[in-house]
Amino acid sequence: MGFSLVALALLTLTAGSWFFYTLTIQVNNNVQILQYNFTIVNVTPTSLVFKLTIYNSSNGMSLTFEKAVPLSEPAPFPYNGSAFGVSNVSYVGSAGNYTIYRGVFGLNGLKVPVTLYFRDGILMNYTGSYEGVKVDAQLQALQVVPTKASGPEPGALIIVLVMVAAIAIGAAVLIKIGKI
C-alpha cells in the first residue's frame, strides 16, 4: 500500500483528510474496477460530512455526492465497522493491530459474504467470494490533515502583556518611593 501505517496510529478524522480505495468485482471472467475517494468536509463530536466520488474505470462514468452521517453509524464511510457496499456488519474479533468484522456485499441480488479488516478505525480492506463472484476492496492511499494545535488567542496575549507591564511599573514605583 502506498502510505505509511504509522500515520494511522495518529489518525483522527479531520476536515480535508481523504481516503482512496479500489473495489474489484470479478464475476466469472468479467472484471470491474471501481475507485472510491472519500474526502472529509466537516467533523463534529457526533457527525461527519464527507464527499464521495465513485469512478468506474470500465466505462469512465463517475458520480459525486456529499453526505452527512452520525459518527455512531457512518455508513458508507469506511470507519469503525462500516464500509461502502457492505451491510449486516458484525464484529468478529481482533488479530494483532486489526479489528475484524464480517458482512454482506450486495450485487444484483447476489449476497457475497465478506471479511473486513480495520486498523485504528479505518477500513484497510475487505474481501469475499460466492458462486463465481469475487469482491476485493483495498485502501490505496490516504492523506490525513493534522489537527491544528490550539493556542492562546492574540487578544489574550495582549491582555497578559498589559497586566505584566502594569505590575512591573507598579513594582518600580513602589521601589522608587521606598515601600519595597
Protein backbone atom coordinates (compact mmCIF):
# COMPACT_ATOMS: atom_id res chain seq x y z
CA MET A 1 0.00 0.00 0.00
CA GLY A 2 1.28 3.45 -0.86
CA PHE A 3 1.09 5.09 2.56
CA SER A 4 2.62 4.89 5.99
CA LEU A 5 0.76 2.79 8.53
CA VAL A 6 2.44 4.88 11.23
CA ALA A 7 0.15 7.74 10.21
CA LEU A 8 -2.85 5.60 11.11
CA ALA A 9 -1.80 5.41 14.75
CA LEU A 10 -2.14 9.19 14.98
CA LEU A 11 -5.30 9.41 12.92
CA THR A 12 -8.26 11.46 13.92
CA LEU A 13 -11.00 12.38 11.49
CA THR A 14 -10.31 15.94 10.32
CA ALA A 15 -11.70 18.11 7.54
CA GLY A 16 -9.64 17.86 4.37
CA SER A 17 -8.43 14.30 5.02
CA TRP A 18 -9.13 11.82 2.24
CA PHE A 19 -9.16 8.05 1.70
CA PHE A 20 -8.79 6.36 -1.70
CA TYR A 21 -10.00 2.78 -2.26
CA THR A 22 -10.23 0.43 -5.23
CA LEU A 23 -13.04 -2.11 -5.36
CA THR A 24 -12.51 -5.02 -7.74
CA ILE A 25 -15.55 -7.12 -8.61
CA GLN A 26 -14.95 -10.27 -10.61
CA VAL A 27 -17.91 -12.22 -11.98
CA ASN A 28 -16.53 -15.34 -13.66
CA ASN A 29 -14.01 -13.80 -16.14
CA ASN A 30 -15.53 -10.29 -16.19
CA VAL A 31 -13.65 -7.78 -14.00
CA GLN A 32 -14.98 -4.37 -12.98
CA ILE A 33 -12.87 -1.86 -11.03
CA LEU A 34 -14.44 1.00 -9.10
CA GLN A 35 -12.47 3.75 -7.36
CA TYR A 36 -13.86 5.38 -4.22
CA ASN A 37 -12.48 8.70 -3.00
CA PHE A 38 -13.83 9.84 0.38
CA THR A 39 -12.98 13.43 1.40
CA ILE A 40 -13.96 14.69 4.85
CA VAL A 41 -15.74 18.05 4.65
CA ASN A 42 -16.60 18.59 8.33
CA VAL A 43 -16.48 16.71 11.63
CA THR A 44 -18.38 17.45 14.82
CA PRO A 45 -18.36 15.38 18.02
CA THR A 46 -21.45 13.50 16.77
CA SER A 47 -21.46 13.70 12.96
CA LEU A 48 -19.37 13.51 9.83
CA VAL A 49 -19.89 15.24 6.48
CA PHE A 50 -17.98 13.78 3.55
CA LYS A 51 -17.82 13.99 -0.22
CA LEU A 52 -17.69 10.71 -2.13
CA THR A 53 -16.58 10.33 -5.72
CA ILE A 54 -17.04 6.92 -7.33
CA TYR A 55 -15.27 6.32 -10.64
CA ASN A 56 -16.00 3.27 -12.80
CA SER A 57 -12.84 2.52 -14.78
CA SER A 58 -14.76 0.13 -17.06
CA ASN A 59 -16.97 2.81 -18.61
CA GLY A 60 -15.39 6.10 -17.46
CA MET A 61 -18.52 7.16 -15.57
CA SER A 62 -18.26 8.95 -12.23
CA LEU A 63 -20.67 10.00 -9.53
CA THR A 64 -20.02 12.60 -6.82
CA PHE A 65 -22.21 13.43 -3.85
CA GLU A 66 -21.96 14.83 -0.34
CA LYS A 67 -23.45 13.07 2.66
CA ALA A 68 -23.84 13.76 6.40
CA VAL A 69 -23.87 10.76 8.74
CA PRO A 70 -23.78 10.23 12.52
CA LEU A 71 -20.39 9.01 13.77
CA SER A 72 -22.20 6.19 15.56
CA GLU A 73 -23.36 4.80 12.17
CA PRO A 74 -21.11 6.32 9.48
CA ALA A 75 -22.10 4.08 6.52
CA PRO A 76 -21.00 4.21 3.76
CA PHE A 77 -17.91 5.99 5.17
CA PRO A 78 -15.29 3.27 5.85
CA TYR A 79 -14.85 3.81 9.59
CA ASN A 80 -15.37 1.74 12.76
CA GLY A 81 -17.03 -1.31 11.26
CA SER A 82 -18.81 0.49 8.44
CA ALA A 83 -17.97 0.09 4.75
CA PHE A 84 -19.26 1.04 1.33
CA GLY A 85 -21.35 -1.63 -0.39
CA VAL A 86 -21.48 -3.80 2.75
CA SER A 87 -24.46 -4.43 5.03
CA ASN A 88 -25.23 -6.67 8.01
CA VAL A 89 -21.80 -5.99 9.51
CA SER A 90 -20.96 -7.78 12.76
CA TYR A 91 -17.87 -7.79 14.95
CA VAL A 92 -15.73 -10.95 14.82
CA GLY A 93 -12.66 -10.14 16.93
CA SER A 94 -9.13 -8.78 16.83
CA ALA A 95 -5.90 -10.08 15.34
CA GLY A 96 -2.76 -8.08 16.03
CA ASN A 97 -3.44 -4.45 15.14
CA TYR A 98 -6.58 -5.30 13.17
CA THR A 99 -10.24 -5.40 14.15
CA ILE A 100 -12.17 -7.92 12.09
CA TYR A 101 -15.81 -7.78 11.01
CA ARG A 102 -17.99 -9.87 8.71
CA GLY A 103 -20.69 -8.55 6.43
CA VAL A 104 -22.52 -8.99 3.16
CA PHE A 105 -21.67 -7.27 -0.12
CA GLY A 106 -24.77 -6.97 -2.32
CA LEU A 107 -24.52 -7.26 -6.10
CA ASN A 108 -27.61 -7.54 -8.34
CA GLY A 109 -29.48 -9.58 -5.74
CA LEU A 110 -26.49 -11.81 -5.01
CA LYS A 111 -25.14 -11.59 -1.47
CA VAL A 112 -21.39 -12.14 -1.17
CA PRO A 113 -20.08 -12.75 2.38
CA VAL A 114 -17.03 -10.58 3.06
CA THR A 115 -14.46 -10.21 5.82
CA LEU A 116 -13.47 -6.64 6.70
CA TYR A 117 -10.19 -5.56 8.31
CA PHE A 118 -9.91 -2.25 10.15
CA ARG A 119 -6.84 -0.66 11.71
CA ASP A 120 -7.28 2.23 14.14
CA GLY A 121 -10.89 2.52 12.99
CA ILE A 122 -10.04 2.85 9.28
CA LEU A 123 -11.05 0.19 6.76
CA MET A 124 -7.90 -1.37 5.30
CA ASN A 125 -9.61 -3.93 3.08
CA TYR A 126 -12.48 -6.34 2.65
CA THR A 127 -12.67 -9.47 0.58
CA GLY A 128 -15.02 -12.35 -0.14
CA SER A 129 -16.35 -14.71 -2.78
CA TYR A 130 -19.53 -16.63 -3.52
CA GLU A 131 -20.86 -18.53 -6.56
CA GLY A 132 -18.26 -17.24 -9.03
CA VAL A 133 -18.27 -13.68 -7.70
CA LYS A 134 -15.12 -12.30 -6.03
CA VAL A 135 -15.06 -8.95 -4.26
CA ASP A 136 -11.91 -7.17 -3.07
CA ALA A 137 -11.70 -3.61 -1.70
CA GLN A 138 -8.30 -2.15 -0.77
CA LEU A 139 -7.19 1.13 0.77
CA GLN A 140 -4.73 2.51 -1.80
CA ALA A 141 -3.83 5.88 -0.29
CA LEU A 142 -4.82 8.29 2.40
CA GLN A 143 -4.00 11.85 3.34
CA VAL A 144 -4.52 12.86 6.93
CA VAL A 145 -4.74 16.56 7.66
CA PRO A 146 -3.29 17.09 11.15
CA THR A 147 -5.45 18.73 13.76
CA LYS A 148 -4.45 22.31 14.47
CA ALA A 149 -2.85 22.91 17.82
CA SER A 150 -4.97 25.29 19.79
CA GLY A 151 -3.00 28.06 21.42
CA PRO A 152 -3.91 31.30 23.09
CA GLU A 153 -5.75 33.89 21.04
CA PRO A 154 -3.73 37.01 20.09
CA GLY A 155 -6.09 39.20 22.16
CA ALA A 156 -5.38 37.08 25.25
CA LEU A 157 -1.63 37.62 24.79
CA ILE A 158 -2.10 41.40 24.63
CA ILE A 159 -4.07 41.36 27.90
CA VAL A 160 -1.35 39.31 29.60
CA LEU A 161 1.37 41.68 28.33
CA VAL A 162 -0.55 44.75 29.58
CA MET A 163 -1.00 43.12 33.02
CA VAL A 164 2.70 42.19 33.25
CA ALA A 165 3.69 45.75 32.25
CA ALA A 166 1.31 47.26 34.85
CA ILE A 167 2.72 45.01 37.59
CA ALA A 168 6.29 45.86 36.58
CA ILE A 169 5.56 49.61 36.55
CA GLY A 170 3.76 49.35 39.90
CA ALA A 171 6.71 47.46 41.43
CA ALA A 172 9.16 50.04 40.05
CA VAL A 173 7.10 52.91 41.53
CA LEU A 174 6.92 51.17 44.94
CA ILE A 175 10.68 50.58 44.92
CA LYS A 176 11.31 54.22 43.97
CA ILE A 177 9.18 55.60 46.81
CA GLY A 178 10.74 53.17 49.24
CA LYS A 179 7.75 50.98 50.04
CA ILE A 180 9.59 47.82 48.91
